[in-house]
Each structure stands twice: as structure tokens, then as C-alpha cells.
Amino acid sequence: YKHYNYWTERGVVHDKPDLFYGNMRAAGRTQPLKQ
């Protein structure tokens, strides 16, 4: 919980993460890394 609320607590813009994948679920699966 603390890990995935790190940026919320600091008021930094971010996207909601997925458990374990973070913001990387699509990368290398459904879209190229660069995307």
C-alpha cells in the first residue's frame, strides 16, 4: 500500500499502478516499450 501510494502522498502527477506490474503491464505485451 505504501509503495503504490508513494507518488500520491508526494503530490506528484502519476497514473494508477497495477499490482506487481506497476505502470508496465502493457509494455512488452500489448505495446512496444517506447509506447
PDB file of all heavy atoms in Angstrom:
ATOM      1  N   TYR A   1       0.844  -1.209   0.000  1.00  0.00           N
ATOM      2  CA  TYR A   1       0.000   0.000   0.000  1.00  0.00           C
ATOM      3  C   TYR A   1       0.874   1.251   0.000  1.00  0.00           C
ATOM      4  O   TYR A   1       0.648   2.191  -0.777  1.00  0.00           O
ATOM      5  CB  TYR A   1      -0.913  -0.016   1.229  1.00  0.00           C
ATOM      6  CG  TYR A   1      -1.639   1.291   1.447  1.00  0.00           C
ATOM      7  CD1 TYR A   1      -2.799   1.596   0.728  1.00  0.00           C
ATOM      8  CD2 TYR A   1      -1.154   2.239   2.364  1.00  0.00           C
ATOM      9  CE1 TYR A   1      -3.464   2.799   0.915  1.00  0.00           C
ATOM     10  CE2 TYR A   1      -1.817   3.444   2.560  1.00  0.00           C
ATOM     11  CZ  TYR A   1      -2.964   3.723   1.830  1.00  0.00           C
ATOM     12  OH  TYR A   1      -3.610   4.920   2.014  1.00  0.00           O
ATOM     13  N   LYS A   2       1.898   1.281   0.875  1.00  0.00           N
ATOM     14  CA  LYS A   2       2.790   2.442   0.961  1.00  0.00           C
ATOM     15  C   LYS A   2       3.546   2.639  -0.353  1.00  0.00           C
ATOM     16  O   LYS A   2       3.716   3.770  -0.828  1.00  0.00           O
ATOM     17  CB  LYS A   2       3.791   2.263   2.108  1.00  0.00           C
ATOM     18  CG  LYS A   2       3.199   2.408   3.481  1.00  0.00           C
ATOM     19  CD  LYS A   2       2.750   3.840   3.773  1.00  0.00           C
ATOM     20  CE  LYS A   2       3.910   4.790   3.972  1.00  0.00           C
ATOM     21  NZ  LYS A   2       3.471   6.159   4.300  1.00  0.00           N
ATOM     22  N   HIS A   3       4.002   1.526  -0.922  1.00  0.00           N
ATOM     23  CA  HIS A   3       4.766   1.607  -2.173  1.00  0.00           C
ATOM     24  C   HIS A   3       3.921   2.230  -3.284  1.00  0.00           C
ATOM     25  O   HIS A   3       4.382   3.157  -3.974  1.00  0.00           O
ATOM     26  CB  HIS A   3       5.235   0.212  -2.593  1.00  0.00           C
ATOM     27  CG  HIS A   3       5.904   0.168  -3.922  1.00  0.00           C
ATOM     28  ND1 HIS A   3       7.148   0.711  -4.147  1.00  0.00           N
ATOM     29  CD2 HIS A   3       5.502  -0.345  -5.124  1.00  0.00           C
ATOM     30  CE1 HIS A   3       7.492   0.531  -5.415  1.00  0.00           C
ATOM     31  NE2 HIS A   3       6.511  -0.110  -6.029  1.00  0.00           N
ATOM     32  N   TYR A   4       2.707   1.732  -3.454  1.00  0.00           N
ATOM     33  CA  TYR A   4       1.872   2.195  -4.552  1.00  0.00           C
ATOM     34  C   TYR A   4       1.111   3.493  -4.249  1.00  0.00           C
ATOM     35  O   TYR A   4       0.329   3.952  -5.074  1.00  0.00           O
ATOM     36  CB  TYR A   4       0.914   1.096  -4.997  1.00  0.00           C
ATOM     37  CG  TYR A   4       1.618  -0.005  -5.766  1.00  0.00           C
ATOM     38  CD1 TYR A   4       1.512  -1.341  -5.381  1.00  0.00           C
ATOM     39  CD2 TYR A   4       2.414   0.296  -6.874  1.00  0.00           C
ATOM     40  CE1 TYR A   4       2.166  -2.342  -6.088  1.00  0.00           C
ATOM     41  CE2 TYR A   4       3.075  -0.691  -7.576  1.00  0.00           C
ATOM     42  CZ  TYR A   4       2.949  -2.011  -7.180  1.00  0.00           C
ATOM     43  OH  TYR A   4       3.612  -3.000  -7.884  1.00  0.00           O
ATOM     44  N   ASN A   5       1.348   4.059  -3.058  1.00  0.00           N
ATOM     45  CA  ASN A   5       0.793   5.385  -2.744  1.00  0.00           C
ATOM     46  C   ASN A   5       1.899   6.426  -2.621  1.00  0.00           C
ATOM     47  O   ASN A   5       1.646   7.555  -2.201  1.00  0.00           O
ATOM     48  CB  ASN A   5      -0.014   5.330  -1.439  1.00  0.00           C
ATOM     49  CG  ASN A   5      -1.442   4.863  -1.673  1.00  0.00           C
ATOM     50  OD1 ASN A   5      -2.325   5.638  -2.009  1.00  0.00           O
ATOM     51  ND2 ASN A   5      -1.630   3.571  -1.530  1.00  0.00           N
ATOM     52  N   TYR A   6       3.099   6.030  -2.992  1.00  0.00           N
ATOM     53  CA  TYR A   6       4.273   6.891  -2.825  1.00  0.00           C
ATOM     54  C   TYR A   6       4.092   8.227  -3.537  1.00  0.00           C
ATOM     55  O   TYR A   6       4.293   9.289  -2.947  1.00  0.00           O
ATOM     56  CB  TYR A   6       5.509   6.167  -3.363  1.00  0.00           C
ATOM     57  CG  TYR A   6       6.797   6.932  -3.193  1.00  0.00           C
ATOM     58  CD1 TYR A   6       7.515   6.871  -2.015  1.00  0.00           C
ATOM     59  CD2 TYR A   6       7.294   7.722  -4.230  1.00  0.00           C
ATOM     60  CE1 TYR A   6       8.708   7.577  -1.855  1.00  0.00           C
ATOM     61  CE2 TYR A   6       8.475   8.433  -4.088  1.00  0.00           C
ATOM     62  CZ  TYR A   6       9.181   8.354  -2.897  1.00  0.00           C
ATOM     63  OH  TYR A   6      10.349   9.054  -2.749  1.00  0.00           O
ATOM     64  N   TRP A   7       3.676   8.198  -4.791  1.00  0.00           N
ATOM     65  CA  TRP A   7       3.568   9.447  -5.558  1.00  0.00           C
ATOM     66  C   TRP A   7       2.321  10.234  -5.180  1.00  0.00           C
ATOM     67  O   TRP A   7       2.317  11.465  -5.230  1.00  0.00           O
ATOM     68  CB  TRP A   7       3.601   9.161  -7.053  1.00  0.00           C
ATOM     69  CG  TRP A   7       4.905   8.584  -7.496  1.00  0.00           C
ATOM     70  CD1 TRP A   7       5.119   7.373  -8.094  1.00  0.00           C
ATOM     71  CD2 TRP A   7       6.196   9.193  -7.350  1.00  0.00           C
ATOM     72  NE1 TRP A   7       6.465   7.185  -8.317  1.00  0.00           N
ATOM     73  CE2 TRP A   7       7.151   8.290  -7.883  1.00  0.00           C
ATOM     74  CE3 TRP A   7       6.643  10.408  -6.811  1.00  0.00           C
ATOM     75  CZ2 TRP A   7       8.508   8.569  -7.900  1.00  0.00           C
ATOM     76  CZ3 TRP A   7       8.004  10.689  -6.828  1.00  0.00           C
ATOM     77  CH2 TRP A   7       8.924   9.777  -7.364  1.00  0.00           C
ATOM     78  N   THR A   8       1.263   9.542  -4.761  1.00  0.00           N
ATOM     79  CA  THR A   8       0.060  10.230  -4.288  1.00  0.00           C
ATOM     80  C   THR A   8       0.379  11.068  -3.051  1.00  0.00           C
ATOM     81  O   THR A   8      -0.026  12.241  -2.944  1.00  0.00           O
ATOM     82  CB  THR A   8      -1.043   9.205  -3.943  1.00  0.00           C
ATOM     83  OG1 THR A   8      -1.340   8.424  -5.106  1.00  0.00           O
ATOM     84  CG2 THR A   8      -2.315   9.910  -3.482  1.00  0.00           C
ATOM     85  N   GLU A   9       1.109  10.469  -2.107  1.00  0.00           N
ATOM     86  CA  GLU A   9       1.468  11.159  -0.864  1.00  0.00           C
ATOM     87  C   GLU A   9       2.333  12.389  -1.112  1.00  0.00           C
ATOM     88  O   GLU A   9       2.328  13.334  -0.331  1.00  0.00           O
ATOM     89  CB  GLU A   9       2.201  10.195   0.075  1.00  0.00           C
ATOM     90  CG  GLU A   9       1.305   9.091   0.630  1.00  0.00           C
ATOM     91  CD  GLU A   9       2.093   8.062   1.423  1.00  0.00           C
ATOM     92  OE1 GLU A   9       3.338   8.197   1.494  1.00  0.00           O
ATOM     93  OE2 GLU A   9       1.469   7.129   1.957  1.00  0.00           O
ATOM     94  N   ARG A  10       3.079  12.380  -2.218  1.00  0.00           N
ATOM     95  CA  ARG A  10       4.001  13.483  -2.500  1.00  0.00           C
ATOM     96  C   ARG A  10       3.444  14.477  -3.505  1.00  0.00           C
ATOM     97  O   ARG A  10       4.133  15.418  -3.910  1.00  0.00           O
ATOM     98  CB  ARG A  10       5.343  12.912  -2.991  1.00  0.00           C
ATOM     99  CG  ARG A  10       6.152  12.342  -1.834  1.00  0.00           C
ATOM    100  CD  ARG A  10       7.178  11.302  -2.285  1.00  0.00           C
ATOM    101  NE  ARG A  10       7.891  10.796  -1.109  1.00  0.00           N
ATOM    102  CZ  ARG A  10       7.395   9.893  -0.268  1.00  0.00           C
ATOM    103  NH1 ARG A  10       6.166   9.410  -0.459  1.00  0.00           N
ATOM    104  NH2 ARG A  10       8.110   9.484   0.768  1.00  0.00           N
ATOM    105  N   GLY A  11       2.219  14.265  -3.932  1.00  0.00           N
ATOM    106  CA  GLY A  11       1.580  15.216  -4.831  1.00  0.00           C
ATOM    107  C   GLY A  11       2.226  15.294  -6.204  1.00  0.00           C
ATOM    108  O   GLY A  11       2.230  16.353  -6.838  1.00  0.00           O
ATOM    109  N   VAL A  12       2.748  14.154  -6.676  1.00  0.00           N
ATOM    110  CA  VAL A  12       3.400  14.100  -7.993  1.00  0.00           C
ATOM    111  C   VAL A  12       2.441  13.469  -8.999  1.00  0.00           C
ATOM    112  O   VAL A  12       1.789  12.455  -8.701  1.00  0.00           O
ATOM    113  CB  VAL A  12       4.709  13.276  -7.919  1.00  0.00           C
ATOM    114  CG1 VAL A  12       5.329  13.114  -9.309  1.00  0.00           C
ATOM    115  CG2 VAL A  12       5.707  13.941  -6.971  1.00  0.00           C
ATOM    116  N   VAL A  13       2.338  14.065 -10.187  1.00  0.00           N
ATOM    117  CA  VAL A  13       1.445  13.506 -11.215  1.00  0.00           C
ATOM    118  C   VAL A  13       1.869  12.080 -11.553  1.00  0.00           C
ATOM    119  O   VAL A  13       3.061  11.774 -11.648  1.00  0.00           O
ATOM    120  CB  VAL A  13       1.431  14.375 -12.490  1.00  0.00           C
ATOM    121  CG1 VAL A  13       0.849  15.742 -12.200  1.00  0.00           C
ATOM    122  CG2 VAL A  13       2.821  14.502 -13.102  1.00  0.00           C
ATOM    123  N   HIS A  14       0.880  11.201 -11.692  1.00  0.00           N
ATOM    124  CA  HIS A  14       1.193   9.796 -11.985  1.00  0.00           C
ATOM    125  C   HIS A  14      -0.077   9.086 -12.441  1.00  0.00           C
ATOM    126  O   HIS A  14      -1.189   9.609 -12.288  1.00  0.00           O
ATOM    127  CB  HIS A  14       1.759   9.102 -10.745  1.00  0.00           C
ATOM    128  CG  HIS A  14       0.774   8.987  -9.617  1.00  0.00           C
ATOM    129  ND1 HIS A  14       0.443  10.065  -8.802  1.00  0.00           N
ATOM    130  CD2 HIS A  14       0.022   7.941  -9.172  1.00  0.00           C
ATOM    131  CE1 HIS A  14      -0.448   9.679  -7.908  1.00  0.00           C
ATOM    132  NE2 HIS A  14      -0.733   8.404  -8.114  1.00  0.00           N
ATOM    133  N   ASP A  15       0.093   7.889 -12.983  1.00  0.00           N
ATOM    134  CA  ASP A  15      -1.036   7.032 -13.336  1.00  0.00           C
ATOM    135  C   ASP A  15      -1.221   5.973 -12.255  1.00  0.00           C
ATOM    136  O   ASP A  15      -0.254   5.567 -11.593  1.00  0.00           O
ATOM    137  CB  ASP A  15      -0.789   6.341 -14.687  1.00  0.00           C
ATOM    138  CG  ASP A  15      -0.945   7.287 -15.859  1.00  0.00           C
ATOM    139  OD1 ASP A  15      -1.586   8.347 -15.680  1.00  0.00           O
ATOM    140  OD2 ASP A  15      -0.420   6.976 -16.947  1.00  0.00           O
ATOM    141  N   LYS A  16      -2.429   5.496 -12.109  1.00  0.00           N
ATOM    142  CA  LYS A  16      -2.716   4.445 -11.125  1.00  0.00           C
ATOM    143  C   LYS A  16      -1.980   3.168 -11.525  1.00  0.00           C
ATOM    144  O   LYS A  16      -2.055   2.723 -12.673  1.00  0.00           O
ATOM    145  CB  LYS A  16      -4.216   4.187 -11.067  1.00  0.00           C
ATOM    146  CG  LYS A  16      -4.608   3.168 -10.010  1.00  0.00           C
ATOM    147  CD  LYS A  16      -6.115   2.947  -9.997  1.00  0.00           C
ATOM    148  CE  LYS A  16      -6.488   1.868  -8.969  1.00  0.00           C
ATOM    149  NZ  LYS A  16      -7.941   1.598  -8.955  1.00  0.00           N
ATOM    150  N   PRO A  17      -1.243   2.553 -10.594  1.00  0.00           N
ATOM    151  CA  PRO A  17      -0.481   1.356 -10.934  1.00  0.00           C
ATOM    152  C   PRO A  17      -1.286   0.061 -10.787  1.00  0.00           C
ATOM    153  O   PRO A  17      -2.307   0.030 -10.082  1.00  0.00           O
ATOM    154  CB  PRO A  17       0.658   1.378  -9.911  1.00  0.00           C
ATOM    155  CG  PRO A  17       0.034   2.013  -8.698  1.00  0.00           C
ATOM    156  CD  PRO A  17      -0.959   3.027  -9.218  1.00  0.00           C
ATOM    157  N   ASP A  18      -0.820  -0.996 -11.439  1.00  0.00           N
ATOM    158  CA  ASP A  18      -1.355  -2.344 -11.244  1.00  0.00           C
ATOM    159  C   ASP A  18      -0.443  -3.088 -10.277  1.00  0.00           C
ATOM    160  O   ASP A  18       0.773  -2.874 -10.258  1.00  0.00           O
ATOM    161  CB  ASP A  18      -1.397  -3.108 -12.579  1.00  0.00           C
ATOM    162  CG  ASP A  18      -2.422  -2.524 -13.536  1.00  0.00           C
ATOM    163  OD1 ASP A  18      -3.507  -2.158 -13.073  1.00  0.00           O
ATOM    164  OD2 ASP A  18      -2.123  -2.448 -14.738  1.00  0.00           O
ATOM    165  N   LEU A  19      -1.029  -3.974  -9.488  1.00  0.00           N
ATOM    166  CA  LEU A  19      -0.253  -4.743  -8.521  1.00  0.00           C
ATOM    167  C   LEU A  19       0.868  -5.509  -9.224  1.00  0.00           C
ATOM    168  O   LEU A  19       0.630  -6.195 -10.221  1.00  0.00           O
ATOM    169  CB  LEU A  19      -1.180  -5.713  -7.783  1.00  0.00           C
ATOM    170  CG  LEU A  19      -0.560  -6.499  -6.612  1.00  0.00           C
ATOM    171  CD1 LEU A  19      -0.121  -5.536  -5.502  1.00  0.00           C
ATOM    172  CD2 LEU A  19      -1.564  -7.514  -6.067  1.00  0.00           C
ATOM    173  N   PHE A  20       2.073  -5.380  -8.700  1.00  0.00           N
ATOM    174  CA  PHE A  20       3.296  -6.020  -9.198  1.00  0.00           C
ATOM    175  C   PHE A  20       3.791  -5.437 -10.522  1.00  0.00           C
ATOM    176  O   PHE A  20       4.984  -5.223 -10.706  1.00  0.00           O
ATOM    177  CB  PHE A  20       3.137  -7.540  -9.324  1.00  0.00           C
ATOM    178  CG  PHE A  20       2.811  -8.204  -8.025  1.00  0.00           C
ATOM    179  CD1 PHE A  20       1.675  -8.986  -7.889  1.00  0.00           C
ATOM    180  CD2 PHE A  20       3.625  -8.028  -6.912  1.00  0.00           C
ATOM    181  CE1 PHE A  20       1.369  -9.607  -6.685  1.00  0.00           C
ATOM    182  CE2 PHE A  20       3.325  -8.629  -5.696  1.00  0.00           C
ATOM    183  CZ  PHE A  20       2.192  -9.425  -5.578  1.00  0.00           C
ATOM    184  N   TYR A  21       2.876  -5.175 -11.467  1.00  0.00           N
ATOM    185  CA  TYR A  21       3.301  -4.637 -12.764  1.00  0.00           C
ATOM    186  C   TYR A  21       3.578  -3.130 -12.703  1.00  0.00           C
ATOM    187  O   TYR A  21       4.271  -2.586 -13.565  1.00  0.00           O
ATOM    188  CB  TYR A  21       2.239  -4.897 -13.833  1.00  0.00           C
ATOM    189  CG  TYR A  21       2.139  -6.345 -14.235  1.00  0.00           C
ATOM    190  CD1 TYR A  21       1.133  -7.164 -13.717  1.00  0.00           C
ATOM    191  CD2 TYR A  21       3.043  -6.905 -15.137  1.00  0.00           C
ATOM    192  CE1 TYR A  21       1.033  -8.505 -14.081  1.00  0.00           C
ATOM    193  CE2 TYR A  21       2.939  -8.239 -15.511  1.00  0.00           C
ATOM    194  CZ  TYR A  21       1.938  -9.038 -14.975  1.00  0.00           C
ATOM    195  OH  TYR A  21       1.848 -10.356 -15.339  1.00  0.00           O
ATOM    196  N   GLY A  22       3.010  -2.458 -11.714  1.00  0.00           N
ATOM    197  CA  GLY A  22       3.148  -1.012 -11.673  1.00  0.00           C
ATOM    198  C   GLY A  22       2.478  -0.389 -12.879  1.00  0.00           C
ATOM    199  O   GLY A  22       1.314  -0.683 -13.192  1.00  0.00           O
ATOM    200  N   ASN A  23       3.213   0.452 -13.619  1.00  0.00           N
ATOM    201  CA  ASN A  23       2.689   1.062 -14.856  1.00  0.00           C
ATOM    202  C   ASN A  23       3.239   0.372 -16.099  1.00  0.00           C
ATOM    203  O   ASN A  23       3.229   0.942 -17.183  1.00  0.00           O
ATOM    204  CB  ASN A  23       3.046   2.555 -14.896  1.00  0.00           C
ATOM    205  CG  ASN A  23       2.482   3.331 -13.727  1.00  0.00           C
ATOM    206  OD1 ASN A  23       3.214   3.960 -12.980  1.00  0.00           O
ATOM    207  ND2 ASN A  23       1.163   3.281 -13.543  1.00  0.00           N
ATOM    208  N   MET A  24       3.703  -0.864 -15.924  1.00  0.00           N
ATOM    209  CA  MET A  24       4.382  -1.576 -17.022  1.00  0.00           C
ATOM    210  C   MET A  24       3.595  -2.765 -17.560  1.00  0.00           C
ATOM    211  O   MET A  24       4.152  -3.582 -18.279  1.00  0.00           O
ATOM    212  CB  MET A  24       5.757  -2.059 -16.535  1.00  0.00           C
ATOM    213  CG  MET A  24       6.748  -0.964 -16.190  1.00  0.00           C
ATOM    214  SD  MET A  24       7.374  -0.127 -17.655  1.00  0.00           S
ATOM    215  CE  MET A  24       8.460  -1.404 -18.314  1.00  0.00           C
ATOM    216  N   ARG A  25       2.332  -2.879 -17.228  1.00  0.00           N
ATOM    217  CA  ARG A  25       1.575  -4.061 -17.656  1.00  0.00           C
ATOM    218  C   ARG A  25       1.552  -4.208 -19.183  1.00  0.00           C
ATOM    219  O   ARG A  25       1.729  -5.302 -19.720  1.00  0.00           O
ATOM    220  CB  ARG A  25       0.140  -4.021 -17.121  1.00  0.00           C
ATOM    221  CG  ARG A  25      -0.681  -5.229 -17.558  1.00  0.00           C
ATOM    222  CD  ARG A  25      -2.086  -5.198 -16.979  1.00  0.00           C
ATOM    223  NE  ARG A  25      -2.120  -5.578 -15.581  1.00  0.00           N
ATOM    224  CZ  ARG A  25      -2.126  -6.833 -15.135  1.00  0.00           C
ATOM    225  NH1 ARG A  25      -2.072  -7.841 -15.988  1.00  0.00           N
ATOM    226  NH2 ARG A  25      -2.178  -7.079 -13.856  1.00  0.00           N
ATOM    227  N   ALA A  26       1.327  -3.109 -19.885  1.00  0.00           N
ATOM    228  CA  ALA A  26       1.197  -3.189 -21.349  1.00  0.00           C
ATOM    229  C   ALA A  26       2.542  -3.302 -22.054  1.00  0.00           C
ATOM    230  O   ALA A  26       2.645  -3.913 -23.124  1.00  0.00           O
ATOM    231  CB  ALA A  26       0.445  -1.971 -21.869  1.00  0.00           C
ATOM    232  N   ALA A  27       3.599  -2.725 -21.449  1.00  0.00           N
ATOM    233  CA  ALA A  27       4.919  -2.689 -22.104  1.00  0.00           C
ATOM    234  C   ALA A  27       5.460  -4.088 -22.322  1.00  0.00           C
ATOM    235  O   ALA A  27       5.551  -4.886 -21.395  1.00  0.00           O
ATOM    236  CB  ALA A  27       5.895  -1.876 -21.255  1.00  0.00           C
ATOM    237  N   GLY A  28       5.817  -4.372 -23.566  1.00  0.00           N
ATOM    238  CA  GLY A  28       6.361  -5.682 -23.889  1.00  0.00           C
ATOM    239  C   GLY A  28       5.319  -6.770 -24.037  1.00  0.00           C
ATOM    240  O   GLY A  28       5.640  -7.930 -24.281  1.00  0.00           O
ATOM    241  N   ARG A  29       4.059  -6.393 -23.879  1.00  0.00           N
ATOM    242  CA  ARG A  29       2.975  -7.359 -24.037  1.00  0.00           C
ATOM    243  C   ARG A  29       2.057  -6.939 -25.189  1.00  0.00           C
ATOM    244  O   ARG A  29       1.981  -7.598 -26.210  1.00  0.00           O
ATOM    245  CB  ARG A  29       2.153  -7.472 -22.745  1.00  0.00           C
ATOM    246  CG  ARG A  29       2.839  -8.268 -21.653  1.00  0.00           C
ATOM    247  CD  ARG A  29       2.076  -8.151 -20.348  1.00  0.00           C
ATOM    248  NE  ARG A  29       2.591  -9.087 -19.364  1.00  0.00           N
ATOM    249  CZ  ARG A  29       1.973 -10.189 -18.983  1.00  0.00           C
ATOM    250  NH1 ARG A  29       0.804 -10.500 -19.505  1.00  0.00           N
ATOM    251  NH2 ARG A  29       2.512 -10.990 -18.082  1.00  0.00           N
ATOM    252  N   THR A  30       1.339  -5.822 -24.971  1.00  0.00           N
ATOM    253  CA  THR A  30       0.392  -5.361 -25.994  1.00  0.00           C
ATOM    254  C   THR A  30       0.894  -4.141 -26.745  1.00  0.00           C
ATOM    255  O   THR A  30       0.262  -3.708 -27.705  1.00  0.00           O
ATOM    256  CB  THR A  30      -0.969  -5.036 -25.351  1.00  0.00           C
ATOM    257  OG1 THR A  30      -0.779  -4.018 -24.354  1.00  0.00           O
ATOM    258  CG2 THR A  30      -1.564  -6.271 -24.707  1.00  0.00           C
ATOM    259  N   GLN A  31       2.008  -3.552 -26.281  1.00  0.00           N
ATOM    260  CA  GLN A  31       2.570  -2.399 -26.988  1.00  0.00           C
ATOM    261  C   GLN A  31       4.084  -2.375 -26.801  1.00  0.00           C
ATOM    262  O   GLN A  31       4.599  -2.874 -25.793  1.00  0.00           O
ATOM    263  CB  GLN A  31       1.948  -1.094 -26.498  1.00  0.00           C
ATOM    264  CG  GLN A  31       2.199  -0.772 -25.053  1.00  0.00           C
ATOM    265  CD  GLN A  31       1.534   0.521 -24.596  1.00  0.00           C
ATOM    266  OE1 GLN A  31       2.015   1.179 -23.696  1.00  0.00           O
ATOM    267  NE2 GLN A  31       0.410   0.895 -25.201  1.00  0.00           N
ATOM    268  N   PRO A  32       4.810  -1.808 -27.771  1.00  0.00           N
ATOM    269  CA  PRO A  32       6.269  -1.702 -27.624  1.00  0.00           C
ATOM    270  C   PRO A  32       6.633  -0.864 -26.405  1.00  0.00           C
ATOM    271  O   PRO A  32       5.856  -0.004 -25.970  1.00  0.00           O
ATOM    272  CB  PRO A  32       6.708  -0.998 -28.920  1.00  0.00           C
ATOM    273  CG  PRO A  32       5.583  -1.180 -29.881  1.00  0.00           C
ATOM    274  CD  PRO A  32       4.329  -1.242 -29.051  1.00  0.00           C
ATOM    275  N   LEU A  33       7.809  -1.103 -25.864  1.00  0.00           N
ATOM    276  CA  LEU A  33       8.275  -0.386 -24.679  1.00  0.00           C
ATOM    277  C   LEU A  33       8.183   1.128 -24.858  1.00  0.00           C
ATOM    278  O   LEU A  33       7.735   1.850 -23.967  1.00  0.00           O
ATOM    279  CB  LEU A  33       9.727  -0.792 -24.376  1.00  0.00           C
ATOM    280  CG  LEU A  33      10.381  -0.143 -23.163  1.00  0.00           C
ATOM    281  CD1 LEU A  33       9.711  -0.622 -21.872  1.00  0.00           C
ATOM    282  CD2 LEU A  33      11.873  -0.455 -23.127  1.00  0.00           C
ATOM    283  N   LYS A  34       8.561   1.610 -26.033  1.00  0.00           N
ATOM    284  CA  LYS A  34       8.588   3.059 -26.268  1.00  0.00           C
ATOM    285  C   LYS A  34       7.204   3.688 -26.132  1.00  0.00           C
ATOM    286  O   LYS A  34       7.075   4.843 -25.703  1.00  0.00           O
ATOM    287  CB  LYS A  34       9.166   3.364 -27.653  1.00  0.00           C
ATOM    288  CG  LYS A  34       8.246   3.054 -28.830  1.00  0.00           C
ATOM    289  CD  LYS A  34       8.917   3.328 -30.154  1.00  0.00           C
ATOM    290  CE  LYS A  34       7.963   3.134 -31.331  1.00  0.00           C
ATOM    291  NZ  LYS A  34       7.129   4.298 -31.592  1.00  0.00           N
ATOM    292  N   GLN A  35       6.174   2.925 -26.477  1.00  0.00           N
ATOM    293  CA  GLN A  35       4.824   3.474 -26.488  1.00  0.00           C
ATOM    294  C   GLN A  35       4.340   3.823 -25.086  1.00  0.00           C
ATOM    295  O   GLN A  35       3.667   4.845 -24.876  1.00  0.00           O
ATOM    296  CB  GLN A  35       3.864   2.478 -27.141  1.00  0.00           C
ATOM    297  CG  GLN A  35       2.482   3.039 -27.455  1.00  0.00           C
ATOM    298  CD  GLN A  35       2.526   4.170 -28.470  1.00  0.00           C
ATOM    299  OE1 GLN A  35       3.434   4.236 -29.301  1.00  0.00           O
ATOM    300  NE2 GLN A  35       1.558   5.066 -28.388  1.00  0.00           N
TER     301      GLN A  35
END
